[in-house]
Amino acid sequence: MSMELEKARAELARVLNGGQDNNVHDRAFLLDVSTSMSGMKLEEAKRALLKNAKDEDLVITFGTDVHTVPKSMVSGLFVQGDTAMLPAIQQAVDMKVSHMILITDGWANIGGNSFDVIDFVATLTGVKIDTIGIGNDCDHVMLRQISTMTKGGNYKVDDPMQLNGVVGMLSAPKSINL
């Protein structure tokens, strides 16, 4: 096993076993890695995260399963299965994330459907969720409701090449007007 892989696994274990879980995390990227994200969608999403996420940001992937991965492992992500969106949001909430950036091209279909996601998000306080829907096949109505309920932004990208710009805008430090 390579030294880099060992370091990444150790970091992942540390995070999952409480190394940072007791702190409020400023931001998490929730990345859909379901099969429908194969090809350019996932490659452009990975590129956007690698360019714009800070090392301390959480990256939570969701396909059939949900995983928290260090930024250093983002380039090795691959697609797998369905879309466990609700469990991913629940994991971010459990990890005390205050700002989520949800990137998806699909519909919640593992661990709860779109209505379950809306019901859960409606119970949240102090959490902002920005949503990015890729293409025409995702549940844009649900994404708009999530962002509205949490005072986040809602973005639709028709071309995966637009992801870097939207993720960059959402990741940029906010300026203060005096």
C-alpha atoms as a PDB file:
ATOM      1  CA  MET A   1       0.000   0.000   0.000  1.00  0.00           C
ATOM      2  CA  SER A   2       1.355   3.448  -0.902  1.00  0.00           C
ATOM      3  CA  MET A   3       2.312   5.922   1.809  1.00  0.00           C
ATOM      4  CA  GLU A   4      -0.167   8.482   0.416  1.00  0.00           C
ATOM      5  CA  LEU A   5      -3.014   5.979   0.602  1.00  0.00           C
ATOM      6  CA  GLU A   6      -2.058   5.053   4.166  1.00  0.00           C
ATOM      7  CA  LYS A   7      -2.041   8.734   5.167  1.00  0.00           C
ATOM      8  CA  ALA A   8      -5.433   9.294   3.533  1.00  0.00           C
ATOM      9  CA  ARG A   9      -6.930   6.264   5.293  1.00  0.00           C
ATOM     10  CA  ALA A  10      -5.491   7.379   8.638  1.00  0.00           C
ATOM     11  CA  GLU A  11      -6.952  10.852   8.152  1.00  0.00           C
ATOM     12  CA  LEU A  12     -10.321   9.390   7.193  1.00  0.00           C
ATOM     13  CA  ALA A  13     -10.315   7.130  10.265  1.00  0.00           C
ATOM     14  CA  ARG A  14      -9.356  10.067  12.491  1.00  0.00           C
ATOM     15  CA  VAL A  15     -12.236  12.178  11.178  1.00  0.00           C
ATOM     16  CA  LEU A  16     -14.771   9.347  11.365  1.00  0.00           C
ATOM     17  CA  ASN A  17     -13.648   8.389  14.874  1.00  0.00           C
ATOM     18  CA  GLY A  18     -14.108  11.814  16.394  1.00  0.00           C
ATOM     19  CA  GLY A  19     -10.897  13.625  15.533  1.00  0.00           C
ATOM     20  CA  GLN A  20     -12.866  16.626  14.338  1.00  0.00           C
ATOM     21  CA  ASP A  21     -16.458  15.546  14.800  1.00  0.00           C
ATOM     22  CA  ASN A  22     -16.982  17.480  18.039  1.00  0.00           C
ATOM     23  CA  ASN A  23     -16.360  20.782  16.299  1.00  0.00           C
ATOM     24  CA  VAL A  24     -18.745  22.722  14.146  1.00  0.00           C
ATOM     25  CA  HIS A  25     -17.557  22.432  10.561  1.00  0.00           C
ATOM     26  CA  ASP A  26     -17.943  25.552   8.500  1.00  0.00           C
ATOM     27  CA  ARG A  27     -18.575  23.775   5.243  1.00  0.00           C
ATOM     28  CA  ALA A  28     -19.126  20.398   3.622  1.00  0.00           C
ATOM     29  CA  PHE A  29     -19.425  19.508  -0.022  1.00  0.00           C
ATOM     30  CA  LEU A  30     -22.040  16.792  -0.552  1.00  0.00           C
ATOM     31  CA  LEU A  31     -21.166  15.164  -3.848  1.00  0.00           C
ATOM     32  CA  ASP A  32     -23.446  12.780  -5.712  1.00  0.00           C
ATOM     33  CA  VAL A  33     -21.361   9.861  -7.003  1.00  0.00           C
ATOM     34  CA  SER A  34     -24.298   7.777  -8.222  1.00  0.00           C
ATOM     35  CA  THR A  35     -24.000   6.015 -11.568  1.00  0.00           C
ATOM     36  CA  SER A  36     -25.759   8.844 -13.411  1.00  0.00           C
ATOM     37  CA  MET A  37     -22.818  11.117 -12.523  1.00  0.00           C
ATOM     38  CA  SER A  38     -20.401   9.040 -14.625  1.00  0.00           C
ATOM     39  CA  GLY A  39     -18.163  10.723 -17.150  1.00  0.00           C
ATOM     40  CA  MET A  40     -17.857  14.448 -17.492  1.00  0.00           C
ATOM     41  CA  LYS A  41     -20.237  15.305 -14.616  1.00  0.00           C
ATOM     42  CA  LEU A  42     -18.135  13.572 -11.979  1.00  0.00           C
ATOM     43  CA  GLU A  43     -14.821  14.635 -13.520  1.00  0.00           C
ATOM     44  CA  GLU A  44     -15.843  18.305 -13.560  1.00  0.00           C
ATOM     45  CA  ALA A  45     -17.258  18.075 -10.027  1.00  0.00           C
ATOM     46  CA  LYS A  46     -13.981  16.581  -8.780  1.00  0.00           C
ATOM     47  CA  ARG A  47     -12.017  19.306 -10.561  1.00  0.00           C
ATOM     48  CA  ALA A  48     -14.206  21.992  -8.976  1.00  0.00           C
ATOM     49  CA  LEU A  49     -13.742  20.539  -5.482  1.00  0.00           C
ATOM     50  CA  LEU A  50      -9.993  20.106  -5.858  1.00  0.00           C
ATOM     51  CA  LYS A  51      -9.660  23.701  -6.988  1.00  0.00           C
ATOM     52  CA  ASN A  52     -12.053  25.362  -4.536  1.00  0.00           C
ATOM     53  CA  ALA A  53     -12.421  23.274  -1.369  1.00  0.00           C
ATOM     54  CA  LYS A  54     -10.178  24.067   1.567  1.00  0.00           C
ATOM     55  CA  ASP A  55      -8.291  21.235   3.220  1.00  0.00           C
ATOM     56  CA  GLU A  56     -10.450  21.618   6.339  1.00  0.00           C
ATOM     57  CA  ASP A  57     -13.719  21.335   4.380  1.00  0.00           C
ATOM     58  CA  LEU A  58     -15.526  18.036   4.583  1.00  0.00           C
ATOM     59  CA  VAL A  59     -16.293  16.100   1.423  1.00  0.00           C
ATOM     60  CA  ILE A  60     -19.218  13.719   1.830  1.00  0.00           C
ATOM     61  CA  THR A  61     -19.965  11.489  -1.137  1.00  0.00           C
ATOM     62  CA  PHE A  62     -23.236   9.706  -1.708  1.00  0.00           C
ATOM     63  CA  GLY A  63     -24.094   6.968  -4.131  1.00  0.00           C
ATOM     64  CA  THR A  64     -25.620   3.811  -2.717  1.00  0.00           C
ATOM     65  CA  ASP A  65     -23.429   4.430   0.353  1.00  0.00           C
ATOM     66  CA  VAL A  66     -22.297   7.600   2.116  1.00  0.00           C
ATOM     67  CA  HIS A  67     -18.604   8.274   2.786  1.00  0.00           C
ATOM     68  CA  THR A  68     -16.607  11.142   4.235  1.00  0.00           C
ATOM     69  CA  VAL A  69     -13.351  11.486   2.338  1.00  0.00           C
ATOM     70  CA  PRO A  70     -10.416  13.853   2.734  1.00  0.00           C
ATOM     71  CA  LYS A  71      -9.899  16.356  -0.058  1.00  0.00           C
ATOM     72  CA  SER A  72      -6.710  14.483  -0.986  1.00  0.00           C
ATOM     73  CA  MET A  73      -8.818  11.494  -2.106  1.00  0.00           C
ATOM     74  CA  VAL A  74     -11.292  13.411  -4.286  1.00  0.00           C
ATOM     75  CA  SER A  75      -9.400  12.740  -7.525  1.00  0.00           C
ATOM     76  CA  GLY A  76      -9.831   8.973  -6.996  1.00  0.00           C
ATOM     77  CA  LEU A  77     -13.609   9.034  -6.568  1.00  0.00           C
ATOM     78  CA  PHE A  78     -15.707   6.854  -8.848  1.00  0.00           C
ATOM     79  CA  VAL A  79     -19.429   6.310  -9.407  1.00  0.00           C
ATOM     80  CA  GLN A  80     -21.393   3.671  -7.537  1.00  0.00           C
ATOM     81  CA  GLY A  81     -25.077   2.857  -7.492  1.00  0.00           C
ATOM     82  CA  ASP A  82     -28.061   4.945  -6.525  1.00  0.00           C
ATOM     83  CA  THR A  83     -28.540   8.298  -4.734  1.00  0.00           C
ATOM     84  CA  ALA A  84     -28.470   8.290  -0.908  1.00  0.00           C
ATOM     85  CA  MET A  85     -29.027  12.049  -0.617  1.00  0.00           C
ATOM     86  CA  LEU A  86     -30.937  12.049   2.691  1.00  0.00           C
ATOM     87  CA  PRO A  87     -28.344   9.922   4.530  1.00  0.00           C
ATOM     88  CA  ALA A  88     -25.613  12.281   3.240  1.00  0.00           C
ATOM     89  CA  ILE A  89     -27.430  15.359   4.556  1.00  0.00           C
ATOM     90  CA  GLN A  90     -28.074  13.572   7.862  1.00  0.00           C
ATOM     91  CA  GLN A  91     -24.379  12.695   8.157  1.00  0.00           C
ATOM     92  CA  ALA A  92     -23.396  16.326   7.572  1.00  0.00           C
ATOM     93  CA  VAL A  93     -25.876  17.430  10.244  1.00  0.00           C
ATOM     94  CA  ASP A  94     -24.485  14.800  12.652  1.00  0.00           C
ATOM     95  CA  MET A  95     -21.019  16.229  11.993  1.00  0.00           C
ATOM     96  CA  LYS A  96     -22.358  19.690  12.902  1.00  0.00           C
ATOM     97  CA  VAL A  97     -21.832  21.251   9.490  1.00  0.00           C
ATOM     98  CA  SER A  98     -23.230  24.776   9.266  1.00  0.00           C
ATOM     99  CA  HIS A  99     -22.950  25.219   5.465  1.00  0.00           C
ATOM    100  CA  MET A 100     -23.487  22.497   2.880  1.00  0.00           C
ATOM    101  CA  ILE A 101     -22.942  22.688  -0.856  1.00  0.00           C
ATOM    102  CA  LEU A 102     -24.991  19.884  -2.423  1.00  0.00           C
ATOM    103  CA  ILE A 103     -23.982  18.829  -5.948  1.00  0.00           C
ATOM    104  CA  THR A 104     -26.255  16.335  -7.719  1.00  0.00           C
ATOM    105  CA  ASP A 105     -27.762  15.333 -11.029  1.00  0.00           C
ATOM    106  CA  GLY A 106     -30.428  13.035  -9.678  1.00  0.00           C
ATOM    107  CA  TRP A 107     -33.283  12.147  -7.386  1.00  0.00           C
ATOM    108  CA  ALA A 108     -33.083  10.936  -3.784  1.00  0.00           C
ATOM    109  CA  ASN A 109     -33.846   7.208  -3.901  1.00  0.00           C
ATOM    110  CA  ILE A 110     -31.882   5.450  -1.126  1.00  0.00           C
ATOM    111  CA  GLY A 111     -32.658   6.064   2.552  1.00  0.00           C
ATOM    112  CA  GLY A 112     -35.550   8.319   1.624  1.00  0.00           C
ATOM    113  CA  ASN A 113     -37.158  10.028  -1.342  1.00  0.00           C
ATOM    114  CA  SER A 114     -37.487  13.726  -2.202  1.00  0.00           C
ATOM    115  CA  PHE A 115     -40.384  14.221   0.228  1.00  0.00           C
ATOM    116  CA  ASP A 116     -38.326  12.685   3.051  1.00  0.00           C
ATOM    117  CA  VAL A 117     -35.433  15.011   2.238  1.00  0.00           C
ATOM    118  CA  ILE A 118     -37.752  18.048   2.342  1.00  0.00           C
ATOM    119  CA  ASP A 119     -39.308  16.890   5.632  1.00  0.00           C
ATOM    120  CA  PHE A 120     -35.877  16.447   7.229  1.00  0.00           C
ATOM    121  CA  VAL A 121     -34.479  19.743   5.954  1.00  0.00           C
ATOM    122  CA  ALA A 122     -37.566  21.532   7.303  1.00  0.00           C
ATOM    123  CA  THR A 123     -36.479  20.544  10.830  1.00  0.00           C
ATOM    124  CA  LEU A 124     -33.020  22.105  10.519  1.00  0.00           C
ATOM    125  CA  THR A 125     -31.991  25.362  12.149  1.00  0.00           C
ATOM    126  CA  GLY A 126     -28.709  27.174  11.713  1.00  0.00           C
ATOM    127  CA  VAL A 127     -27.797  25.226   8.590  1.00  0.00           C
ATOM    128  CA  LYS A 128     -27.467  26.743   5.124  1.00  0.00           C
ATOM    129  CA  ILE A 129     -27.632  24.475   2.080  1.00  0.00           C
ATOM    130  CA  ASP A 130     -26.639  25.725  -1.356  1.00  0.00           C
ATOM    131  CA  THR A 131     -27.830  23.368  -4.090  1.00  0.00           C
ATOM    132  CA  ILE A 132     -26.343  22.760  -7.519  1.00  0.00           C
ATOM    133  CA  GLY A 133     -28.417  20.687  -9.928  1.00  0.00           C
ATOM    134  CA  ILE A 134     -26.668  19.357 -13.009  1.00  0.00           C
ATOM    135  CA  GLY A 135     -28.709  18.998 -16.191  1.00  0.00           C
ATOM    136  CA  ASN A 136     -32.414  18.544 -16.725  1.00  0.00           C
ATOM    137  CA  ASP A 137     -32.869  15.121 -15.132  1.00  0.00           C
ATOM    138  CA  CYS A 138     -32.487  16.037 -11.477  1.00  0.00           C
ATOM    139  CA  ASP A 139     -35.188  17.039  -8.998  1.00  0.00           C
ATOM    140  CA  HIS A 140     -34.892  20.810  -9.365  1.00  0.00           C
ATOM    141  CA  VAL A 141     -38.115  21.390  -7.410  1.00  0.00           C
ATOM    142  CA  MET A 142     -36.687  19.612  -4.353  1.00  0.00           C
ATOM    143  CA  LEU A 143     -33.338  21.404  -4.693  1.00  0.00           C
ATOM    144  CA  ARG A 144     -35.086  24.788  -4.855  1.00  0.00           C
ATOM    145  CA  GLN A 145     -37.128  23.929  -1.738  1.00  0.00           C
ATOM    146  CA  ILE A 146     -33.999  22.846   0.166  1.00  0.00           C
ATOM    147  CA  SER A 147     -32.165  26.064  -0.641  1.00  0.00           C
ATOM    148  CA  THR A 148     -35.192  28.256   0.103  1.00  0.00           C
ATOM    149  CA  MET A 149     -35.846  26.637   3.497  1.00  0.00           C
ATOM    150  CA  THR A 150     -32.205  27.009   4.556  1.00  0.00           C
ATOM    151  CA  LYS A 151     -31.588  30.449   3.016  1.00  0.00           C
ATOM    152  CA  GLY A 152     -29.090  28.993   0.569  1.00  0.00           C
ATOM    153  CA  GLY A 153     -28.666  29.556  -3.125  1.00  0.00           C
ATOM    154  CA  ASN A 154     -30.060  27.329  -5.841  1.00  0.00           C
ATOM    155  CA  TYR A 155     -28.095  26.874  -9.060  1.00  0.00           C
ATOM    156  CA  LYS A 156     -28.795  24.882 -12.200  1.00  0.00           C
ATOM    157  CA  VAL A 157     -25.908  24.056 -14.501  1.00  0.00           C
ATOM    158  CA  ASP A 158     -26.698  22.724 -17.939  1.00  0.00           C
ATOM    159  CA  ASP A 159     -23.053  22.032 -18.778  1.00  0.00           C
ATOM    160  CA  PRO A 160     -20.795  20.295 -16.221  1.00  0.00           C
ATOM    161  CA  MET A 161     -18.035  22.699 -17.302  1.00  0.00           C
ATOM    162  CA  GLN A 162     -19.981  25.383 -15.379  1.00  0.00           C
ATOM    163  CA  LEU A 163     -19.467  23.587 -12.054  1.00  0.00           C
ATOM    164  CA  ASN A 164     -16.074  25.121 -11.348  1.00  0.00           C
ATOM    165  CA  GLY A 165     -17.472  28.649 -11.637  1.00  0.00           C
ATOM    166  CA  VAL A 166     -20.471  27.991  -9.394  1.00  0.00           C
ATOM    167  CA  VAL A 167     -18.474  26.049  -6.791  1.00  0.00           C
ATOM    168  CA  GLY A 168     -15.795  28.762  -6.883  1.00  0.00           C
ATOM    169  CA  MET A 169     -18.381  31.477  -6.293  1.00  0.00           C
ATOM    170  CA  LEU A 170     -19.912  29.570  -3.363  1.00  0.00           C
ATOM    171  CA  SER A 171     -16.473  28.823  -1.894  1.00  0.00           C
ATOM    172  CA  ALA A 172     -15.037  32.328  -2.138  1.00  0.00           C
ATOM    173  CA  PRO A 173     -14.617  34.330   1.056  1.00  0.00           C
ATOM    174  CA  LYS A 174     -17.484  36.745   1.491  1.00  0.00           C
ATOM    175  CA  SER A 175     -16.583  40.421   1.347  1.00  0.00           C
ATOM    176  CA  ILE A 176     -17.840  42.884   3.927  1.00  0.00           C
ATOM    177  CA  ASN A 177     -19.223  46.167   2.704  1.00  0.00           C
ATOM    178  CA  LEU A 178     -18.447  49.006   5.097  1.00  0.00           C
END
